[in-house]
Amino acid sequence: MRRNIVSSTFCPHADWMGDLPWSLSSLPLANLAVPGSHDSFSFWVDEKSPVGPDQSVVVKRLAEIFRSLFKKNMKKWSMTQSLTFREQLEAGIRYFDLRVSTKPGDEDNELYFIHGLFGIKVREGLKQINYFLKNHPKEVIFLDFNHHYAMEDSHHKDLVQMLKDVFGTKLSRAKLVEEVTLQYLWEQKCQVLVFYHHPIAHEFPFLWPGHKMPAPWANTTDAQKLVQFLETTLGERAKRGTFHVSQAILTPQIRTVMQGWIVGLRDSLVTRNLPIIMNWVKSQKPGVNGVNIITSDFVELVDFATTVIKLNNSLLQDRTKHQ
């Protein structure tokens, strides 16, 4: 009897990868549907910290003038998630969009997550993720370090060493994308794939070059235009050699922020457009020509992870038809 991957509406899905049947765990990970989060670390940002180096001169100047009042509202636009790393993992999220920076005046010379305002220390976040992986040995995650701010070569080397210290032998060596299946990773006892958008990636065998994880960005506030963009870029997806991220997210423009300054990103832009975005997600199919990783803001607002995971049932149905 064929069993559905998600047979219950109960969340979280802490072990959904380990529960996949062999017919799917033996497929390339690039052919499976995997839920991810956008600006995954932004569940907490420090409104008392300086404005980040990822922001414009205008934003920095406004923060200097209006101080805590400005940053209090800025926080509502910097946060794109509500769940911590642990909670996201338990809910089934397996891809993490990570942006990293040094912090001016930081005596400890630590690295921090950044989205407008500074988030938690990178080391702290990685340790949270590793704790989950220790307790769920068949779950595999993608860490996509795609933006680096105010970082010199020494900071990149520190981050690479941090990854080695925290994850150790869980780190998977970069290889042909088509050879990376859950079965392969389980045999190797590897659980972490790190994508690093910086030339240093070529110096370490466990860093996957950033171009192996393309994530086309629509940069629009219009849900219909987003859907059209997602369809177009999915149709252009490389058949071999890369994973693929469908960013099912809307991006606020200056006008959007001004109109909803007090309300914030979630209530002014995300919530009201989710039905259109989720209808697109539900209509997708994974596979060589289909979706792979799909990311969302505020992954808890709807059954996002459940919906994406269930897309893999279509692959089971295809295999049944050909038997």
Protein backbone atom coordinates (compact mmCIF):
# COMPACT_ATOMS: atom_id res chain seq x y z
CA MET A 1 0.00 0.00 0.00
CA ARG A 2 1.29 3.44 -0.94
CA ARG A 3 1.37 5.81 2.01
CA ASN A 4 1.13 9.57 1.85
CA ILE A 5 4.15 11.49 3.08
CA VAL A 6 1.95 13.75 5.19
CA SER A 7 -1.11 11.87 6.33
CA SER A 8 -2.01 14.16 9.18
CA THR A 9 -2.50 17.88 9.60
CA PHE A 10 -0.51 17.69 12.83
CA CYS A 11 2.63 19.77 12.84
CA PRO A 12 5.54 19.94 13.42
CA HIS A 13 7.23 17.67 10.86
CA ALA A 14 10.46 17.17 12.71
CA ASP A 15 11.33 13.90 10.93
CA TRP A 16 9.66 14.20 7.55
CA MET A 17 12.81 13.45 5.56
CA GLY A 18 13.56 10.35 7.58
CA ASP A 19 9.97 9.20 7.05
CA LEU A 20 10.16 9.36 3.24
CA PRO A 21 9.83 6.01 1.44
CA TRP A 22 12.93 4.60 -0.27
CA SER A 23 11.57 5.52 -3.70
CA LEU A 24 11.90 9.21 -2.74
CA SER A 25 14.91 9.13 -0.41
CA SER A 26 16.84 7.61 -3.32
CA LEU A 27 16.00 10.52 -5.64
CA PRO A 28 18.36 13.51 -6.00
CA LEU A 29 17.53 16.14 -3.39
CA ALA A 30 17.30 18.61 -6.25
CA ASN A 31 14.20 16.74 -7.44
CA LEU A 32 12.31 16.87 -4.14
CA ALA A 33 10.08 19.65 -2.82
CA VAL A 34 11.70 21.22 0.25
CA PRO A 35 10.23 24.03 2.39
CA GLY A 36 12.49 26.94 3.26
CA SER A 37 12.32 30.30 5.01
CA HIS A 38 13.29 33.76 3.79
CA ASP A 39 15.66 35.73 6.05
CA SER A 40 15.42 32.70 8.28
CA PHE A 41 17.18 34.28 11.28
CA SER A 42 15.01 37.41 11.52
CA PHE A 43 12.73 36.04 14.25
CA TRP A 44 14.70 38.33 16.57
CA VAL A 45 16.40 41.60 15.72
CA ASP A 46 17.92 44.09 18.13
CA GLU A 47 16.28 47.51 17.88
CA LYS A 48 18.97 48.84 20.22
CA SER A 49 21.74 47.91 17.82
CA PRO A 50 23.08 50.15 15.05
CA VAL A 51 21.36 50.04 11.67
CA GLY A 52 23.08 47.41 9.56
CA PRO A 53 25.54 47.97 6.70
CA ASP A 54 22.95 46.46 4.34
CA GLN A 55 20.89 49.67 4.61
CA SER A 56 21.08 52.89 2.61
CA VAL A 57 22.59 56.16 3.83
CA VAL A 58 19.09 57.64 4.03
CA VAL A 59 17.86 54.92 6.39
CA LYS A 60 20.94 55.28 8.57
CA ARG A 61 20.43 59.05 8.73
CA LEU A 62 16.76 58.70 9.70
CA ALA A 63 17.78 56.30 12.47
CA GLU A 64 20.25 58.87 13.77
CA ILE A 65 17.57 61.57 13.83
CA PHE A 66 14.59 59.66 15.22
CA ARG A 67 16.57 57.05 17.16
CA SER A 68 14.55 54.44 19.08
CA LEU A 69 11.20 55.49 17.59
CA PHE A 70 12.47 54.88 14.07
CA LYS A 71 14.13 51.57 14.88
CA LYS A 72 11.08 50.31 16.76
CA ASN A 73 9.08 50.54 13.54
CA MET A 74 12.01 49.45 11.40
CA LYS A 75 11.97 46.23 13.39
CA LYS A 76 8.49 45.48 12.03
CA TRP A 77 9.94 45.52 8.52
CA SER A 78 13.19 43.71 9.32
CA MET A 79 11.47 40.67 10.81
CA THR A 80 10.24 38.21 8.19
CA GLN A 81 9.89 35.21 10.52
CA SER A 82 8.35 34.57 13.93
CA LEU A 83 9.64 31.06 14.62
CA THR A 84 13.11 30.38 16.00
CA PHE A 85 15.51 28.05 14.17
CA ARG A 86 14.39 25.16 16.38
CA GLU A 87 10.71 25.88 15.79
CA GLN A 88 11.23 26.19 12.05
CA LEU A 89 13.09 22.88 11.97
CA GLU A 90 10.37 21.16 13.97
CA ALA A 91 7.79 22.58 11.57
CA GLY A 92 9.64 20.99 8.64
CA ILE A 93 11.73 23.88 7.28
CA ARG A 94 14.98 22.56 5.80
CA TYR A 95 16.42 25.48 3.81
CA PHE A 96 17.76 28.58 5.57
CA ASP A 97 18.45 31.92 3.88
CA LEU A 98 21.34 33.50 5.83
CA ARG A 99 22.86 37.00 5.73
CA VAL A 100 25.88 37.75 7.88
CA SER A 101 27.78 40.85 9.04
CA THR A 102 30.28 42.18 11.51
CA LYS A 103 28.90 44.72 13.97
CA PRO A 104 30.58 48.09 14.46
CA GLY A 105 32.01 48.55 17.93
CA ASP A 106 31.56 44.89 18.87
CA GLU A 107 34.40 44.11 21.30
CA ASP A 108 34.02 40.33 20.87
CA ASN A 109 34.49 40.62 17.09
CA GLU A 110 31.57 38.24 16.56
CA LEU A 111 29.56 37.66 13.40
CA TYR A 112 25.84 38.40 13.45
CA PHE A 113 22.86 37.71 11.26
CA ILE A 114 21.62 40.88 9.61
CA HIS A 115 18.47 42.21 7.96
CA GLY A 116 18.26 45.94 8.46
CA LEU A 117 18.97 45.47 12.16
CA PHE A 118 21.34 42.99 13.76
CA GLY A 119 20.03 39.62 14.82
CA ILE A 120 21.49 36.90 17.01
CA LYS A 121 25.12 35.81 16.86
CA VAL A 122 25.82 33.40 14.01
CA ARG A 123 27.48 30.91 16.35
CA GLU A 124 24.40 30.85 18.58
CA GLY A 125 22.11 30.16 15.62
CA LEU A 126 24.32 27.39 14.25
CA LYS A 127 24.42 25.70 17.65
CA GLN A 128 20.60 25.73 17.79
CA ILE A 129 20.47 24.04 14.41
CA ASN A 130 23.11 21.47 15.35
CA TYR A 131 21.23 20.55 18.52
CA PHE A 132 18.20 19.67 16.42
CA LEU A 133 20.28 17.63 13.98
CA LYS A 134 21.82 15.59 16.80
CA ASN A 135 18.33 14.52 17.84
CA HIS A 136 17.07 13.94 14.27
CA PRO A 137 19.91 12.09 12.49
CA LYS A 138 18.04 11.58 9.20
CA GLU A 139 17.11 15.22 8.66
CA VAL A 140 19.20 17.22 6.18
CA ILE A 141 19.45 21.00 5.94
CA PHE A 142 20.62 23.59 3.42
CA LEU A 143 22.48 26.61 4.82
CA ASP A 144 22.66 29.33 2.17
CA PHE A 145 25.10 32.11 3.13
CA ASN A 146 24.19 34.45 0.29
CA HIS A 147 24.96 37.92 1.66
CA HIS A 148 28.05 39.06 3.56
CA TYR A 149 28.46 42.61 4.85
CA ALA A 150 31.50 44.42 6.26
CA MET A 151 33.50 41.19 6.14
CA GLU A 152 37.16 40.83 5.26
CA ASP A 153 38.92 37.59 4.31
CA SER A 154 39.74 36.94 7.96
CA HIS A 155 36.03 37.11 8.86
CA HIS A 156 35.18 34.60 6.14
CA LYS A 157 37.86 32.25 7.44
CA ASP A 158 36.48 32.66 10.97
CA LEU A 159 33.00 31.74 9.71
CA VAL A 160 34.30 28.70 7.87
CA GLN A 161 36.11 27.54 11.00
CA MET A 162 32.93 28.14 13.00
CA LEU A 163 31.01 25.86 10.63
CA LYS A 164 33.65 23.15 11.08
CA ASP A 165 33.63 23.55 14.86
CA VAL A 166 29.85 23.38 15.18
CA PHE A 167 28.92 20.75 12.60
CA GLY A 168 32.11 18.70 12.21
CA THR A 169 31.54 15.51 10.26
CA LYS A 170 27.92 16.43 9.53
CA LEU A 171 29.17 18.71 6.74
CA SER A 172 28.71 17.19 3.28
CA ARG A 173 31.42 17.60 0.67
CA ALA A 174 30.40 19.41 -2.50
CA LYS A 175 29.90 17.00 -5.39
CA LEU A 176 27.66 16.42 -8.41
CA VAL A 177 24.19 17.61 -7.49
CA GLU A 178 22.59 14.58 -9.13
CA GLU A 179 24.50 12.25 -6.79
CA VAL A 180 23.18 13.87 -3.61
CA THR A 181 20.28 11.84 -2.30
CA LEU A 182 19.04 11.35 1.23
CA GLN A 183 20.20 7.74 1.06
CA TYR A 184 23.70 8.86 0.12
CA LEU A 185 23.83 11.46 2.92
CA TRP A 186 22.54 8.95 5.48
CA GLU A 187 25.27 6.50 4.48
CA GLN A 188 27.88 9.24 4.86
CA LYS A 189 26.26 10.42 8.13
CA CYS A 190 26.12 13.94 6.68
CA GLN A 191 23.28 16.36 7.40
CA VAL A 192 24.48 19.82 6.39
CA LEU A 193 24.97 21.30 2.93
CA VAL A 194 26.57 24.76 3.08
CA PHE A 195 26.29 27.12 0.11
CA TYR A 196 28.69 30.04 0.24
CA HIS A 197 28.43 32.97 -2.16
CA HIS A 198 32.05 34.08 -1.99
CA PRO A 199 35.27 32.98 -3.76
CA ILE A 200 36.50 31.33 -0.55
CA ALA A 201 34.01 28.53 -1.28
CA HIS A 202 36.51 27.05 -3.75
CA GLU A 203 39.10 26.60 -0.98
CA PHE A 204 37.11 24.18 1.20
CA PRO A 205 35.66 20.84 0.07
CA PHE A 206 32.52 21.19 2.22
CA LEU A 207 31.51 24.58 0.82
CA TRP A 208 29.22 24.50 -2.19
CA PRO A 209 29.72 27.48 -4.54
CA GLY A 210 26.80 29.90 -4.46
CA HIS A 211 25.92 29.35 -8.12
CA LYS A 212 24.85 25.82 -7.20
CA MET A 213 21.90 27.40 -5.34
CA PRO A 214 20.30 29.97 -7.69
CA ALA A 215 17.42 31.91 -6.11
CA PRO A 216 15.83 34.29 -8.63
CA TRP A 217 14.25 37.30 -6.93
CA ALA A 218 11.05 38.90 -8.24
CA ASN A 219 11.47 42.17 -6.27
CA THR A 220 7.77 43.06 -6.49
CA THR A 221 4.84 43.89 -4.22
CA ASP A 222 2.33 42.46 -6.72
CA ALA A 223 1.32 38.84 -6.00
CA GLN A 224 0.22 38.20 -9.59
CA LYS A 225 3.53 39.47 -10.95
CA LEU A 226 5.32 37.27 -8.42
CA VAL A 227 3.45 34.18 -9.62
CA GLN A 228 4.28 35.02 -13.23
CA PHE A 229 7.94 35.49 -12.30
CA LEU A 230 8.02 32.17 -10.42
CA GLU A 231 6.56 30.38 -13.44
CA THR A 232 9.02 31.99 -15.84
CA THR A 233 12.13 31.31 -13.76
CA LEU A 234 11.02 27.76 -13.01
CA GLY A 235 10.71 27.18 -16.75
CA GLU A 236 14.29 28.42 -17.14
CA ARG A 237 15.62 26.18 -14.37
CA ALA A 238 18.74 24.24 -15.32
CA LYS A 239 17.98 20.56 -15.83
CA ARG A 240 21.22 19.46 -14.18
CA GLY A 241 23.99 20.75 -11.95
CA THR A 242 22.13 22.97 -9.49
CA PHE A 243 19.45 23.09 -6.86
CA HIS A 244 16.76 25.76 -7.31
CA VAL A 245 15.03 28.18 -4.95
CA SER A 246 11.58 29.57 -5.77
CA GLN A 247 11.31 32.68 -3.59
CA ALA A 248 7.56 32.91 -2.99
CA ILE A 249 7.96 36.27 -1.29
CA LEU A 250 6.92 39.86 -1.89
CA THR A 251 9.41 42.69 -1.43
CA PRO A 252 8.27 46.04 -0.01
CA GLN A 253 9.19 49.15 -1.95
CA ILE A 254 9.67 52.60 -0.39
CA ARG A 255 6.01 53.47 -1.00
CA THR A 256 4.88 50.22 0.62
CA VAL A 257 6.93 50.91 3.73
CA MET A 258 5.72 54.50 4.00
CA GLN A 259 2.05 53.47 3.70
CA GLY A 260 2.33 50.67 6.25
CA TRP A 261 5.12 52.05 8.43
CA ILE A 262 3.29 51.53 11.72
CA VAL A 263 1.70 48.20 10.75
CA GLY A 264 4.77 46.35 9.47
CA LEU A 265 5.57 43.79 6.79
CA ARG A 266 3.40 40.92 7.98
CA ASP A 267 0.09 42.75 8.27
CA SER A 268 0.51 45.23 5.42
CA LEU A 269 1.91 42.95 2.70
CA VAL A 270 2.32 39.27 3.56
CA THR A 271 -0.97 38.13 5.12
CA ARG A 272 -3.35 39.56 2.53
CA ASN A 273 -1.37 38.11 -0.39
CA LEU A 274 -0.83 34.63 1.02
CA PRO A 275 -3.93 33.08 -0.63
CA ILE A 276 -2.64 33.87 -4.12
CA ILE A 277 0.89 32.72 -3.29
CA MET A 278 -0.28 29.51 -1.63
CA ASN A 279 -2.54 28.66 -4.55
CA TRP A 280 0.54 28.74 -6.74
CA VAL A 281 2.48 26.55 -4.30
CA LYS A 282 -0.33 23.98 -4.16
CA SER A 283 -0.38 23.70 -7.95
CA GLN A 284 3.32 22.83 -8.23
CA LYS A 285 5.04 19.53 -8.82
CA PRO A 286 8.64 18.61 -7.93
CA GLY A 287 10.98 16.70 -10.21
CA VAL A 288 13.61 17.42 -12.85
CA ASN A 289 11.44 20.10 -14.45
CA GLY A 290 9.60 21.13 -11.31
CA VAL A 291 10.02 22.97 -8.04
CA ASN A 292 12.77 22.17 -5.59
CA ILE A 293 13.12 24.56 -2.64
CA ILE A 294 10.29 27.02 -1.98
CA THR A 295 10.75 29.84 0.54
CA SER A 296 8.23 31.98 2.36
CA ASP A 297 7.98 34.76 4.92
CA PHE A 298 6.31 33.97 8.26
CA VAL A 299 6.12 30.24 7.55
CA GLU A 300 3.70 29.67 10.44
CA LEU A 301 0.87 31.84 9.07
CA VAL A 302 -0.44 29.01 6.90
CA ASP A 303 0.39 25.32 6.57
CA PHE A 304 3.32 26.28 4.36
CA ALA A 305 5.75 23.49 5.22
CA THR A 306 2.98 20.86 5.15
CA THR A 307 1.85 22.06 1.73
CA VAL A 308 5.34 21.92 0.25
CA ILE A 309 6.16 18.51 1.74
CA LYS A 310 2.90 17.06 0.39
CA LEU A 311 3.93 18.03 -3.15
CA ASN A 312 6.27 15.04 -3.03
CA ASN A 313 3.23 12.75 -3.07
CA SER A 314 2.94 13.46 -6.80
CA LEU A 315 6.31 11.77 -7.31
CA LEU A 316 4.98 8.69 -5.54
CA GLN A 317 1.95 8.70 -7.80
CA ASP A 318 4.15 8.91 -10.90
CA ARG A 319 6.21 5.94 -9.73
CA THR A 320 3.07 3.91 -9.04
CA LYS A 321 1.81 4.58 -12.58
CA HIS A 322 5.04 3.28 -14.11
CA GLN A 323 5.16 0.08 -12.06
